[in-house]
Amino acid sequence: MLTSILSRLTSAWRGLAADERGTTTENVIWIAALAALALAVVGLLGPQILAAAKSIVFQ
């Protein structure tokens, strides 16, 4: 009985590992999080970068 249950759980676990339907959603979430992080960094450092760029004088 215990071996049968363990066998079924192992089979189900392997089936889920081979299933790649959720990776697209996971990738979209990661990309959205990284894009939000990039926008936050640009929002915080953008004015300083622009001010530094305006103070550069080419000869």
PDB file of N, CA and C in Angstrom:
ATOM      1  N   MET A   1       0.828  -1.198   0.000  1.00  0.00           N
ATOM      2  CA  MET A   1       0.000   0.000   0.000  1.00  0.00           C
ATOM      3  C   MET A   1       0.871   1.261   0.000  1.00  0.00           C
ATOM      4  N   LEU A   2       1.838   1.322   0.902  1.00  0.00           N
ATOM      5  CA  LEU A   2       2.712   2.488   0.966  1.00  0.00           C
ATOM      6  C   LEU A   2       3.536   2.627  -0.312  1.00  0.00           C
ATOM      7  N   THR A   3       3.986   1.506  -0.847  1.00  0.00           N
ATOM      8  CA  THR A   3       4.762   1.528  -2.086  1.00  0.00           C
ATOM      9  C   THR A   3       3.908   2.022  -3.247  1.00  0.00           C
ATOM     10  N   SER A   4       2.661   1.636  -3.262  1.00  0.00           N
ATOM     11  CA  SER A   4       1.754   2.077  -4.313  1.00  0.00           C
ATOM     12  C   SER A   4       1.532   3.587  -4.244  1.00  0.00           C
ATOM     13  N   ILE A   5       1.326   4.096  -3.058  1.00  0.00           N
ATOM     14  CA  ILE A   5       1.124   5.540  -2.887  1.00  0.00           C
ATOM     15  C   ILE A   5       2.382   6.297  -3.274  1.00  0.00           C
ATOM     16  N   LEU A   6       3.521   5.797  -2.842  1.00  0.00           N
ATOM     17  CA  LEU A   6       4.790   6.445  -3.180  1.00  0.00           C
ATOM     18  C   LEU A   6       5.029   6.418  -4.687  1.00  0.00           C
ATOM     19  N   SER A   7       4.696   5.323  -5.324  1.00  0.00           N
ATOM     20  CA  SER A   7       4.846   5.196  -6.773  1.00  0.00           C
ATOM     21  C   SER A   7       3.956   6.200  -7.501  1.00  0.00           C
ATOM     22  N   ARG A   8       2.719   6.342  -7.037  1.00  0.00           N
ATOM     23  CA  ARG A   8       1.799   7.305  -7.658  1.00  0.00           C
ATOM     24  C   ARG A   8       2.286   8.743  -7.461  1.00  0.00           C
ATOM     25  N   LEU A   9       2.760   9.053  -6.276  1.00  0.00           N
ATOM     26  CA  LEU A   9       3.277  10.401  -6.018  1.00  0.00           C
ATOM     27  C   LEU A   9       4.501  10.699  -6.875  1.00  0.00           C
ATOM     28  N   THR A  10       5.380   9.720  -6.991  1.00  0.00           N
ATOM     29  CA  THR A  10       6.574   9.901  -7.816  1.00  0.00           C
ATOM     30  C   THR A  10       6.195  10.106  -9.276  1.00  0.00           C
ATOM     31  N   SER A  11       5.231   9.333  -9.750  1.00  0.00           N
ATOM     32  CA  SER A  11       4.763   9.470 -11.127  1.00  0.00           C
ATOM     33  C   SER A  11       4.140  10.848 -11.358  1.00  0.00           C
ATOM     34  N   ALA A  12       3.331  11.302 -10.420  1.00  0.00           N
ATOM     35  CA  ALA A  12       2.708  12.617 -10.546  1.00  0.00           C
ATOM     36  C   ALA A  12       3.757  13.724 -10.507  1.00  0.00           C
ATOM     37  N   TRP A  13       4.760  13.576  -9.651  1.00  0.00           N
ATOM     38  CA  TRP A  13       5.827  14.580  -9.522  1.00  0.00           C
ATOM     39  C   TRP A  13       6.599  14.698 -10.833  1.00  0.00           C
ATOM     40  N   ARG A  14       6.929  13.547 -11.438  1.00  0.00           N
ATOM     41  CA  ARG A  14       7.654  13.552 -12.716  1.00  0.00           C
ATOM     42  C   ARG A  14       6.797  14.153 -13.826  1.00  0.00           C
ATOM     43  N   GLY A  15       5.515  13.890 -13.782  1.00  0.00           N
ATOM     44  CA  GLY A  15       4.609  14.472 -14.779  1.00  0.00           C
ATOM     45  C   GLY A  15       4.549  15.979 -14.673  1.00  0.00           C
ATOM     46  N   LEU A  16       4.548  16.498 -13.466  1.00  0.00           N
ATOM     47  CA  LEU A  16       4.539  17.947 -13.276  1.00  0.00           C
ATOM     48  C   LEU A  16       5.868  18.565 -13.692  1.00  0.00           C
ATOM     49  N   ALA A  17       6.958  17.870 -13.453  1.00  0.00           N
ATOM     50  CA  ALA A  17       8.270  18.386 -13.834  1.00  0.00           C
ATOM     51  C   ALA A  17       8.406  18.486 -15.344  1.00  0.00           C
ATOM     52  N   ALA A  18       7.765  17.574 -16.079  1.00  0.00           N
ATOM     53  CA  ALA A  18       7.842  17.585 -17.538  1.00  0.00           C
ATOM     54  C   ALA A  18       6.864  18.582 -18.148  1.00  0.00           C
ATOM     55  N   ASP A  19       5.891  19.048 -17.380  1.00  0.00           N
ATOM     56  CA  ASP A  19       4.875  19.976 -17.871  1.00  0.00           C
ATOM     57  C   ASP A  19       5.455  21.383 -17.894  1.00  0.00           C
ATOM     58  N   GLU A  20       5.490  21.997 -19.063  1.00  0.00           N
ATOM     59  CA  GLU A  20       6.091  23.326 -19.193  1.00  0.00           C
ATOM     60  C   GLU A  20       5.055  24.400 -19.474  1.00  0.00           C
ATOM     61  N   ARG A  21       3.790  24.133 -19.187  1.00  0.00           N
ATOM     62  CA  ARG A  21       2.765  25.127 -19.470  1.00  0.00           C
ATOM     63  C   ARG A  21       2.878  26.351 -18.577  1.00  0.00           C
ATOM     64  N   GLY A  22       3.412  26.212 -17.379  1.00  0.00           N
ATOM     65  CA  GLY A  22       3.488  27.336 -16.461  1.00  0.00           C
ATOM     66  C   GLY A  22       4.723  28.197 -16.634  1.00  0.00           C
ATOM     67  N   THR A  23       5.661  27.777 -17.470  1.00  0.00           N
ATOM     68  CA  THR A  23       6.899  28.554 -17.589  1.00  0.00           C
ATOM     69  C   THR A  23       6.674  29.882 -18.285  1.00  0.00           C
ATOM     70  N   THR A  24       5.723  29.958 -19.207  1.00  0.00           N
ATOM     71  CA  THR A  24       5.459  31.223 -19.888  1.00  0.00           C
ATOM     72  C   THR A  24       4.973  32.260 -18.887  1.00  0.00           C
ATOM     73  N   THR A  25       4.051  31.871 -18.039  1.00  0.00           N
ATOM     74  CA  THR A  25       3.550  32.791 -17.016  1.00  0.00           C
ATOM     75  C   THR A  25       4.672  33.207 -16.079  1.00  0.00           C
ATOM     76  N   GLU A  26       5.495  32.255 -15.686  1.00  0.00           N
ATOM     77  CA  GLU A  26       6.621  32.565 -14.805  1.00  0.00           C
ATOM     78  C   GLU A  26       7.584  33.537 -15.470  1.00  0.00           C
ATOM     79  N   ASN A  27       7.856  33.333 -16.747  1.00  0.00           N
ATOM     80  CA  ASN A  27       8.760  34.235 -17.465  1.00  0.00           C
ATOM     81  C   ASN A  27       8.176  35.634 -17.576  1.00  0.00           C
ATOM     82  N   VAL A  28       6.883  35.726 -17.824  1.00  0.00           N
ATOM     83  CA  VAL A  28       6.232  37.035 -17.913  1.00  0.00           C
ATOM     84  C   VAL A  28       6.309  37.763 -16.579  1.00  0.00           C
ATOM     85  N   ILE A  29       6.105  37.042 -15.491  1.00  0.00           N
ATOM     86  CA  ILE A  29       6.192  37.665 -14.161  1.00  0.00           C
ATOM     87  C   ILE A  29       7.599  38.162 -13.899  1.00  0.00           C
ATOM     88  N   TRP A  30       8.620  37.346 -14.227  1.00  0.00           N
ATOM     89  CA  TRP A  30      10.013  37.776 -14.029  1.00  0.00           C
ATOM     90  C   TRP A  30      10.340  39.002 -14.869  1.00  0.00           C
ATOM     91  N   ILE A  31       9.928  39.010 -16.131  1.00  0.00           N
ATOM     92  CA  ILE A  31      10.203  40.147 -17.010  1.00  0.00           C
ATOM     93  C   ILE A  31       9.519  41.400 -16.493  1.00  0.00           C
ATOM     94  N   ALA A  32       8.283  41.277 -16.032  1.00  0.00           N
ATOM     95  CA  ALA A  32       7.566  42.433 -15.488  1.00  0.00           C
ATOM     96  C   ALA A  32       8.246  42.957 -14.233  1.00  0.00           C
ATOM     97  N   ALA A  33       8.715  42.067 -13.381  1.00  0.00           N
ATOM     98  CA  ALA A  33       9.399  42.497 -12.158  1.00  0.00           C
ATOM     99  C   ALA A  33      10.707  43.200 -12.488  1.00  0.00           C
ATOM    100  N   LEU A  34      11.460  42.666 -13.437  1.00  0.00           N
ATOM    101  CA  LEU A  34      12.724  43.302 -13.816  1.00  0.00           C
ATOM    102  C   LEU A  34      12.490  44.641 -14.508  1.00  0.00           C
ATOM    103  N   ALA A  35      11.435  44.734 -15.312  1.00  0.00           N
ATOM    104  CA  ALA A  35      11.101  46.011 -15.953  1.00  0.00           C
ATOM    105  C   ALA A  35      10.703  47.051 -14.911  1.00  0.00           C
ATOM    106  N   ALA A  36       9.939  46.633 -13.905  1.00  0.00           N
ATOM    107  CA  ALA A  36       9.559  47.556 -12.833  1.00  0.00           C
ATOM    108  C   ALA A  36      10.782  48.016 -12.051  1.00  0.00           C
ATOM    109  N   LEU A  37      11.713  47.113 -11.824  1.00  0.00           N
ATOM    110  CA  LEU A  37      12.946  47.483 -11.141  1.00  0.00           C
ATOM    111  C   LEU A  37      13.753  48.477 -11.968  1.00  0.00           C
ATOM    112  N   ALA A  38      13.843  48.240 -13.273  1.00  0.00           N
ATOM    113  CA  ALA A  38      14.575  49.159 -14.152  1.00  0.00           C
ATOM    114  C   ALA A  38      13.921  50.534 -14.159  1.00  0.00           C
ATOM    115  N   LEU A  39      12.596  50.578 -14.210  1.00  0.00           N
ATOM    116  CA  LEU A  39      11.903  51.869 -14.184  1.00  0.00           C
ATOM    117  C   LEU A  39      12.111  52.592 -12.857  1.00  0.00           C
ATOM    118  N   ALA A  40      12.153  51.850 -11.775  1.00  0.00           N
ATOM    119  CA  ALA A  40      12.392  52.471 -10.468  1.00  0.00           C
ATOM    120  C   ALA A  40      13.792  53.052 -10.397  1.00  0.00           C
ATOM    121  N   VAL A  41      14.767  52.321 -10.915  1.00  0.00           N
ATOM    122  CA  VAL A  41      16.150  52.818 -10.905  1.00  0.00           C
ATOM    123  C   VAL A  41      16.272  54.056 -11.780  1.00  0.00           C
ATOM    124  N   VAL A  42      15.663  54.033 -12.956  1.00  0.00           N
ATOM    125  CA  VAL A  42      15.706  55.204 -13.838  1.00  0.00           C
ATOM    126  C   VAL A  42      14.976  56.376 -13.190  1.00  0.00           C
ATOM    127  N   GLY A  43      13.886  56.102 -12.521  1.00  0.00           N
ATOM    128  CA  GLY A  43      13.139  57.164 -11.848  1.00  0.00           C
ATOM    129  C   GLY A  43      13.939  57.805 -10.727  1.00  0.00           C
ATOM    130  N   LEU A  44      14.712  56.996 -10.008  1.00  0.00           N
ATOM    131  CA  LEU A  44      15.504  57.529  -8.898  1.00  0.00           C
ATOM    132  C   LEU A  44      16.787  58.205  -9.375  1.00  0.00           C
ATOM    133  N   LEU A  45      17.449  57.615 -10.349  1.00  0.00           N
ATOM    134  CA  LEU A  45      18.746  58.132 -10.780  1.00  0.00           C
ATOM    135  C   LEU A  45      18.677  58.973 -12.048  1.00  0.00           C
ATOM    136  N   GLY A  46      17.545  58.977 -12.737  1.00  0.00           N
ATOM    137  CA  GLY A  46      17.401  59.709 -13.993  1.00  0.00           C
ATOM    138  C   GLY A  46      17.740  61.183 -13.885  1.00  0.00           C
ATOM    139  N   PRO A  47      17.181  61.918 -12.935  1.00  0.00           N
ATOM    140  CA  PRO A  47      17.492  63.347 -12.832  1.00  0.00           C
ATOM    141  C   PRO A  47      18.977  63.614 -12.562  1.00  0.00           C
ATOM    142  N   GLN A  48      19.605  62.781 -11.759  1.00  0.00           N
ATOM    143  CA  GLN A  48      21.035  62.959 -11.486  1.00  0.00           C
ATOM    144  C   GLN A  48      21.872  62.702 -12.735  1.00  0.00           C
ATOM    145  N   ILE A  49      21.490  61.691 -13.490  1.00  0.00           N
ATOM    146  CA  ILE A  49      22.223  61.387 -14.721  1.00  0.00           C
ATOM    147  C   ILE A  49      22.053  62.509 -15.726  1.00  0.00           C
ATOM    148  N   LEU A  50      20.828  63.043 -15.872  1.00  0.00           N
ATOM    149  CA  LEU A  50      20.608  64.145 -16.790  1.00  0.00           C
ATOM    150  C   LEU A  50      21.367  65.400 -16.369  1.00  0.00           C
ATOM    151  N   ALA A  51      21.398  65.672 -15.074  1.00  0.00           N
ATOM    152  CA  ALA A  51      22.137  66.851 -14.587  1.00  0.00           C
ATOM    153  C   ALA A  51      23.626  66.687 -14.851  1.00  0.00           C
ATOM    154  N   ALA A  52      24.153  65.505 -14.650  1.00  0.00           N
ATOM    155  CA  ALA A  52      25.572  65.268 -14.925  1.00  0.00           C
ATOM    156  C   ALA A  52      25.864  65.367 -16.415  1.00  0.00           C
ATOM    157  N   ALA A  53      24.950  64.889 -17.241  1.00  0.00           N
ATOM    158  CA  ALA A  53      25.161  64.957 -18.676  1.00  0.00           C
ATOM    159  C   ALA A  53      25.110  66.400 -19.184  1.00  0.00           C
ATOM    160  N   LYS A  54      24.275  67.230 -18.582  1.00  0.00           N
ATOM    161  CA  LYS A  54      24.176  68.636 -19.001  1.00  0.00           C
ATOM    162  C   LYS A  54      25.408  69.439 -18.567  1.00  0.00           C
ATOM    163  N   SER A  55      26.081  68.988 -17.528  1.00  0.00           N
ATOM    164  CA  SER A  55      27.249  69.736 -17.059  1.00  0.00           C
ATOM    165  C   SER A  55      28.523  69.391 -17.828  1.00  0.00           C
ATOM    166  N   ILE A  56      28.455  68.412 -18.723  1.00  0.00           N
ATOM    167  CA  ILE A  56      29.634  68.047 -19.519  1.00  0.00           C
ATOM    168  C   ILE A  56      29.810  69.083 -20.626  1.00  0.00           C
ATOM    169  N   VAL A  57      31.028  69.570 -20.746  1.00  0.00           N
ATOM    170  CA  VAL A  57      31.345  70.546 -21.770  1.00  0.00           C
ATOM    171  C   VAL A  57      32.414  69.955 -22.681  1.00  0.00           C
ATOM    172  N   PHE A  58      32.106  69.905 -23.990  1.00  0.00           N
ATOM    173  CA  PHE A  58      33.063  69.418 -24.969  1.00  0.00           C
ATOM    174  C   PHE A  58      33.863  70.584 -25.503  1.00  0.00           C
ATOM    175  N   GLN A  59      35.137  70.350 -25.728  1.00  0.00           N
ATOM    176  CA  GLN A  59      36.004  71.451 -26.204  1.00  0.00           C
ATOM    177  C   GLN A  59      36.165  71.401 -27.714  1.00  0.00           C
TER     178      GLN A  59
END
